[in-house]
N, C-alpha and C. Protein backbone atom coordinates (compact mmCIF):
# COMPACT_ATOMS: atom_id res chain seq x y z
N UNK A 1 -17.86 124.03 227.68
CA UNK A 1 -17.51 125.28 226.92
C UNK A 1 -17.61 124.57 225.61
N UNK A 2 -17.64 123.31 225.23
CA UNK A 2 -17.63 122.59 223.64
C UNK A 2 -19.27 122.69 223.34
N UNK A 3 -20.22 122.87 224.08
CA UNK A 3 -21.32 123.13 223.85
C UNK A 3 -21.93 124.58 223.48
N UNK A 4 -21.11 125.45 224.16
CA UNK A 4 -21.43 127.00 223.75
C UNK A 4 -20.76 127.06 222.28
N UNK A 5 -19.51 126.72 222.27
CA UNK A 5 -18.86 127.05 220.90
C UNK A 5 -19.66 126.27 219.69
N UNK A 6 -20.19 125.12 220.03
CA UNK A 6 -21.48 124.95 219.06
C UNK A 6 -22.55 125.40 218.59
N UNK A 7 -23.10 125.94 219.82
CA UNK A 7 -24.24 126.79 219.68
C UNK A 7 -23.71 128.50 219.07
N UNK A 8 -22.50 128.83 219.19
CA UNK A 8 -22.15 130.06 218.76
C UNK A 8 -21.87 129.85 217.01
N UNK A 9 -21.38 128.62 216.98
CA UNK A 9 -21.12 127.91 215.41
C UNK A 9 -22.50 127.94 214.73
N UNK A 10 -23.60 127.57 215.20
CA UNK A 10 -24.78 127.49 214.41
C UNK A 10 -25.44 128.89 214.44
N UNK A 11 -25.08 129.74 215.18
CA UNK A 11 -25.57 131.10 215.04
C UNK A 11 -25.06 131.70 214.04
N UNK A 12 -23.71 131.42 214.00
CA UNK A 12 -23.07 132.45 212.87
C UNK A 12 -23.12 131.90 211.65
N UNK A 13 -23.45 130.59 211.50
CA UNK A 13 -23.31 129.94 209.93
C UNK A 13 -24.43 130.22 209.72
N UNK A 14 -25.82 130.08 210.38
CA UNK A 14 -27.11 130.50 210.04
C UNK A 14 -27.33 132.04 209.62
N UNK A 15 -26.70 132.72 210.55
CA UNK A 15 -26.72 134.59 210.41
C UNK A 15 -25.81 134.66 209.15
N UNK A 16 -24.62 134.17 208.88
CA UNK A 16 -23.97 134.22 207.89
C UNK A 16 -24.73 133.90 206.53
N UNK A 17 -25.17 132.92 206.25
CA UNK A 17 -26.25 132.69 205.23
C UNK A 17 -27.62 133.47 204.73
N UNK A 18 -28.06 134.07 206.17
CA UNK A 18 -29.29 134.55 206.06
C UNK A 18 -28.89 136.03 205.31
N UNK A 19 -28.03 136.60 206.11
CA UNK A 19 -27.60 137.91 205.84
C UNK A 19 -26.97 138.01 204.40
N UNK A 20 -26.17 137.10 203.85
CA UNK A 20 -25.51 137.08 202.51
C UNK A 20 -26.95 137.19 201.75
N UNK A 21 -28.01 136.08 201.68
CA UNK A 21 -29.04 136.10 201.02
C UNK A 21 -29.94 137.42 201.18
N UNK A 22 -30.05 137.88 202.55
CA UNK A 22 -30.79 139.01 202.48
C UNK A 22 -30.13 140.53 201.53
N UNK A 23 -28.74 140.27 201.82
CA UNK A 23 -28.07 141.43 201.14
C UNK A 23 -28.14 141.47 199.48
N UNK A 24 -28.58 140.35 199.08
CA UNK A 24 -28.91 140.44 197.72
C UNK A 24 -27.87 140.25 196.54
N UNK A 25 -26.38 140.31 197.04
CA UNK A 25 -25.62 140.31 195.84
C UNK A 25 -24.32 139.48 196.60
N UNK A 26 -23.53 138.64 195.39
CA UNK A 26 -22.66 137.77 195.98
C UNK A 26 -21.18 138.79 195.70
N UNK A 27 -21.49 140.21 195.76
CA UNK A 27 -20.18 141.03 195.08
C UNK A 27 -19.96 141.20 193.64
N UNK A 28 -19.48 142.28 193.53
CA UNK A 28 -18.99 142.59 192.03
C UNK A 28 -17.53 142.87 191.99
N UNK A 29 -16.68 142.17 191.03
CA UNK A 29 -15.54 142.51 190.90
C UNK A 29 -15.17 143.21 189.36
N UNK A 30 -14.34 144.12 189.55
CA UNK A 30 -14.30 144.91 188.71
C UNK A 30 -12.65 145.18 188.17
N UNK A 31 -12.00 145.07 186.73
CA UNK A 31 -10.91 145.52 186.57
C UNK A 31 -10.78 146.31 185.37
N UNK A 32 -9.64 147.45 185.36
CA UNK A 32 -9.53 148.14 184.15
C UNK A 32 -8.69 148.97 184.61
N UNK A 33 -7.98 149.75 183.65
CA UNK A 33 -6.90 150.78 183.99
C UNK A 33 -5.81 150.18 184.86
N UNK A 34 -5.30 149.05 184.91
CA UNK A 34 -4.62 148.42 186.04
C UNK A 34 -5.13 148.31 187.50
N UNK A 35 -6.11 148.68 187.80
CA UNK A 35 -7.28 148.58 188.97
C UNK A 35 -7.91 147.55 189.03
N UNK A 36 -7.89 146.83 190.36
CA UNK A 36 -8.92 145.90 190.69
C UNK A 36 -9.69 146.45 192.02
N UNK A 37 -11.14 145.94 191.76
CA UNK A 37 -12.33 146.62 192.76
C UNK A 37 -12.72 145.52 192.90
N UNK A 38 -13.40 145.66 194.33
CA UNK A 38 -14.48 144.52 194.65
C UNK A 38 -15.33 144.90 195.69
N UNK A 39 -16.49 144.97 195.40
CA UNK A 39 -17.89 146.10 195.89
C UNK A 39 -18.66 144.75 196.62
N UNK A 40 -19.25 145.01 197.81
CA UNK A 40 -20.37 144.13 198.20
C UNK A 40 -21.33 145.07 199.09
N UNK A 41 -22.60 144.74 199.19
CA UNK A 41 -23.60 145.39 200.15
C UNK A 41 -23.16 145.40 201.52
N UNK A 42 -23.61 146.08 202.49
CA UNK A 42 -23.01 146.02 203.66
C UNK A 42 -23.82 144.95 204.50
N UNK A 43 -24.86 144.42 204.28
CA UNK A 43 -25.61 142.93 204.95
C UNK A 43 -25.02 141.94 204.31
N UNK A 44 -24.41 141.97 202.95
CA UNK A 44 -23.84 140.70 202.60
C UNK A 44 -22.67 140.45 203.07
N UNK A 45 -21.75 141.84 203.10
CA UNK A 45 -20.52 141.64 203.77
C UNK A 45 -20.57 141.29 205.31
N UNK A 46 -21.57 141.61 205.89
CA UNK A 46 -21.85 141.13 207.29
C UNK A 46 -22.09 139.47 207.44
N UNK A 47 -22.93 139.20 206.46
CA UNK A 47 -23.14 137.73 206.21
C UNK A 47 -21.78 136.83 206.03
N UNK A 48 -21.02 137.41 205.28
CA UNK A 48 -19.94 136.84 204.61
C UNK A 48 -18.91 136.85 206.02
N UNK A 49 -18.87 138.04 206.91
CA UNK A 49 -18.00 137.94 207.68
C UNK A 49 -18.35 136.73 208.86
N UNK A 50 -19.40 136.97 209.00
CA UNK A 50 -20.26 135.91 210.09
C UNK A 50 -20.05 134.05 209.58
N UNK A 51 -20.01 134.30 208.09
CA UNK A 51 -19.65 132.56 207.43
C UNK A 51 -18.48 132.34 207.82
N UNK A 52 -17.43 133.30 207.37
CA UNK A 52 -16.14 132.84 207.76
C UNK A 52 -15.62 132.55 209.17
N UNK A 53 -16.54 133.54 210.15
CA UNK A 53 -16.15 133.22 211.86
C UNK A 53 -16.10 131.98 212.15
N UNK A 54 -17.94 131.41 211.38
CA UNK A 54 -18.55 130.19 211.57
C UNK A 54 -17.07 128.89 211.26
N UNK A 55 -16.71 129.19 210.10
CA UNK A 55 -15.78 128.41 209.43
C UNK A 55 -14.72 128.10 210.54
N UNK A 56 -13.85 129.31 210.64
CA UNK A 56 -12.92 129.13 211.44
C UNK A 56 -13.26 128.65 213.04
N UNK A 57 -14.35 128.75 213.65
CA UNK A 57 -14.91 128.17 214.60
C UNK A 57 -15.07 126.64 214.82
N UNK A 58 -15.64 126.32 213.26
CA UNK A 58 -16.07 125.05 213.09
C UNK A 58 -14.64 123.99 213.28
N UNK A 59 -13.43 124.69 212.75
CA UNK A 59 -12.15 124.08 212.60
C UNK A 59 -11.79 123.96 214.12
N UNK A 60 -11.80 124.63 215.17
CA UNK A 60 -11.61 124.65 216.27
C UNK A 60 -12.25 123.70 216.90
N UNK A 61 -13.67 123.46 216.82
CA UNK A 61 -14.63 122.69 217.22
C UNK A 61 -14.02 120.98 216.78
N UNK A 62 -13.95 121.07 215.58
CA UNK A 62 -13.37 119.59 215.00
C UNK A 62 -12.39 119.21 215.88
N UNK A 63 -10.88 120.11 216.07
CA UNK A 63 -10.05 119.55 216.84
C UNK A 63 -10.22 119.34 218.41
N UNK A 64 -11.42 119.95 219.16
CA UNK A 64 -12.13 119.73 220.44
C UNK A 64 -12.44 118.31 220.70
N UNK A 65 -12.54 117.39 219.69
CA UNK A 65 -13.46 116.03 219.71
C UNK A 65 -12.60 114.98 219.09
N UNK A 66 -12.87 114.05 219.47
CA UNK A 66 -12.16 112.72 219.19
C UNK A 66 -12.38 112.29 217.51
N UNK A 67 -13.88 112.55 217.32
CA UNK A 67 -14.08 111.86 216.09
C UNK A 67 -14.57 112.91 215.23
N UNK A 68 -14.13 112.87 214.25
CA UNK A 68 -14.79 114.31 213.20
C UNK A 68 -16.18 113.12 212.69
N UNK A 69 -16.58 112.24 212.46
CA UNK A 69 -17.28 111.39 212.03
C UNK A 69 -18.76 111.48 213.11
N UNK A 70 -18.24 111.93 214.42
CA UNK A 70 -19.14 112.30 215.15
C UNK A 70 -19.84 113.68 215.33
N UNK A 71 -18.90 114.63 215.24
CA UNK A 71 -19.34 116.07 215.55
C UNK A 71 -19.67 116.32 214.36
N UNK A 72 -19.00 116.64 213.38
CA UNK A 72 -19.50 117.07 212.01
C UNK A 72 -21.16 116.77 211.64
N UNK A 73 -21.29 115.78 211.74
CA UNK A 73 -23.05 115.78 211.33
C UNK A 73 -23.72 116.30 212.46
N UNK A 74 -23.73 116.53 213.77
CA UNK A 74 -24.27 116.66 214.49
C UNK A 74 -24.14 118.29 214.44
N UNK A 75 -22.78 119.09 214.30
CA UNK A 75 -23.05 120.37 214.08
C UNK A 75 -23.73 120.85 212.96
N UNK A 76 -23.68 120.28 211.86
CA UNK A 76 -24.28 120.52 210.02
C UNK A 76 -25.81 119.96 210.29
N UNK A 77 -26.14 119.00 211.11
CA UNK A 77 -27.48 118.75 210.99
C UNK A 77 -28.33 120.01 211.79
N UNK A 78 -27.58 120.48 212.90
CA UNK A 78 -28.43 121.49 213.76
C UNK A 78 -28.43 122.81 213.26
N UNK A 79 -27.24 122.81 212.28
CA UNK A 79 -27.23 124.31 211.73
C UNK A 79 -28.05 124.40 210.25
N UNK A 80 -28.39 122.80 209.78
CA UNK A 80 -29.07 122.92 208.50
C UNK A 80 -30.92 123.25 209.30
N UNK A 81 -31.02 122.63 210.30
CA UNK A 81 -32.46 122.74 210.81
C UNK A 81 -32.58 124.04 211.25
N UNK A 82 -31.53 124.80 211.86
CA UNK A 82 -31.66 126.23 212.11
C UNK A 82 -31.77 127.09 211.14
N UNK A 83 -31.15 126.79 209.85
CA UNK A 83 -31.27 127.36 208.68
C UNK A 83 -32.69 127.55 207.97
N UNK A 84 -33.13 126.46 208.23
CA UNK A 84 -34.51 126.41 207.34
C UNK A 84 -35.42 127.14 208.28
N UNK A 85 -35.38 126.98 209.54
CA UNK A 85 -36.40 127.79 210.29
C UNK A 85 -35.89 129.16 210.14
N UNK A 86 -34.48 129.91 210.23
CA UNK A 86 -34.17 131.19 209.81
C UNK A 86 -34.97 131.66 208.62
N UNK A 87 -34.78 131.01 207.54
CA UNK A 87 -35.24 131.22 205.91
C UNK A 87 -36.71 131.35 206.06
N UNK A 88 -37.40 130.70 206.88
CA UNK A 88 -38.77 130.58 207.05
C UNK A 88 -39.33 132.15 207.97
N UNK A 89 -38.67 132.30 208.65
CA UNK A 89 -38.63 133.53 209.66
C UNK A 89 -38.35 135.03 209.00
N UNK A 90 -37.18 134.83 208.37
CA UNK A 90 -36.50 136.01 207.96
C UNK A 90 -36.59 136.37 206.70
N UNK A 91 -36.56 135.06 205.85
CA UNK A 91 -36.73 135.63 204.19
C UNK A 91 -38.05 135.34 203.94
N UNK A 92 -38.86 134.90 204.34
CA UNK A 92 -40.20 134.36 204.32
C UNK A 92 -40.55 133.34 203.17
N UNK A 93 -39.52 132.52 203.47
CA UNK A 93 -39.67 131.52 202.53
C UNK A 93 -41.14 130.59 202.75
N UNK A 94 -41.35 129.80 201.76
CA UNK A 94 -42.44 128.83 202.05
C UNK A 94 -42.21 127.40 202.33
N UNK A 95 -42.72 126.90 203.27
CA UNK A 95 -42.42 125.66 203.86
C UNK A 95 -43.72 124.91 203.38
N UNK A 96 -43.34 123.71 203.40
CA UNK A 96 -44.22 122.56 203.11
C UNK A 96 -44.20 121.61 204.24
N UNK A 97 -45.04 120.32 203.96
CA UNK A 97 -44.93 119.08 204.74
C UNK A 97 -43.61 118.57 204.36
N UNK A 98 -43.00 118.57 203.11
CA UNK A 98 -41.66 118.45 202.72
C UNK A 98 -40.67 118.84 203.41
N UNK A 99 -40.97 120.20 203.73
CA UNK A 99 -39.35 120.94 204.14
C UNK A 99 -39.56 120.14 205.79
N UNK A 100 -40.79 120.09 206.48
CA UNK A 100 -40.77 119.65 207.76
C UNK A 100 -40.07 118.25 207.85
N UNK A 101 -40.75 117.46 206.80
CA UNK A 101 -40.11 116.07 206.76
C UNK A 101 -38.79 116.12 206.65
N UNK A 102 -38.16 116.93 205.67
CA UNK A 102 -36.57 116.67 205.32
C UNK A 102 -36.06 117.21 206.60
N UNK A 103 -36.40 118.32 207.53
CA UNK A 103 -35.91 118.73 208.61
C UNK A 103 -35.77 117.57 209.43
N UNK A 104 -36.85 116.84 209.70
CA UNK A 104 -36.99 115.83 210.83
C UNK A 104 -36.00 114.52 210.12
N UNK A 105 -36.29 114.32 209.16
CA UNK A 105 -35.18 113.38 208.56
C UNK A 105 -33.72 113.43 208.96
N UNK A 106 -33.20 114.85 208.77
CA UNK A 106 -31.88 114.89 209.17
C UNK A 106 -31.53 115.01 210.44
N UNK A 107 -32.60 115.36 211.39
CA UNK A 107 -32.20 115.44 212.96
C UNK A 107 -32.16 113.84 213.20
N UNK A 108 -33.16 113.45 212.75
CA UNK A 108 -33.12 111.73 212.95
C UNK A 108 -32.09 110.73 212.58
N UNK A 109 -31.65 111.51 211.21
CA UNK A 109 -30.02 110.75 210.84
C UNK A 109 -29.15 111.20 211.92
N UNK A 110 -29.05 112.40 212.18
CA UNK A 110 -27.91 112.79 212.96
C UNK A 110 -28.08 111.98 214.50
N UNK A 111 -29.53 111.82 215.28
CA UNK A 111 -29.53 110.91 216.37
C UNK A 111 -29.22 109.63 215.87
N UNK A 112 -29.60 108.68 214.92
CA UNK A 112 -29.50 107.54 214.64
C UNK A 112 -27.95 107.31 214.57
N UNK A 113 -27.20 108.15 213.95
CA UNK A 113 -25.98 107.98 213.76
C UNK A 113 -24.97 107.56 214.83
N UNK A 114 -25.48 108.73 216.05
CA UNK A 114 -24.79 108.67 217.32
C UNK A 114 -25.13 108.40 218.41
N UNK A 115 -26.35 106.92 218.10
CA UNK A 115 -26.74 106.32 219.23
C UNK A 115 -25.49 105.49 219.53
N UNK A 116 -25.22 105.33 221.12
CA UNK A 116 -24.42 104.19 221.48
C UNK A 116 -24.63 102.72 221.17
N UNK A 117 -23.59 102.20 220.83
CA UNK A 117 -23.94 100.52 220.52
C UNK A 117 -23.78 99.92 221.81
């Protein structure tokens, strides 16, 4: 169950960021004549919902594990690596040896941090 929740968290957080970026706007707030309005593209709104759901799920995941210092780097490290891959695939971002090296450093750091003593 724990692993499934982590997988869902990673998917939601990655999808949220990619969709918000793909949607192209952070939202528009207007005020006038005593009215308040907020508008956002549908794609950005879907990304926003995914990201909020991922945050709520992350708070549940943290409660399921004994040590925050154990689970937080694992979840965030995996999410960061997935976001790099998704950015390359869906946003057509360019990658270089530095991108690959950075992702490997993140993964290595998570592994080293969580080695049993």
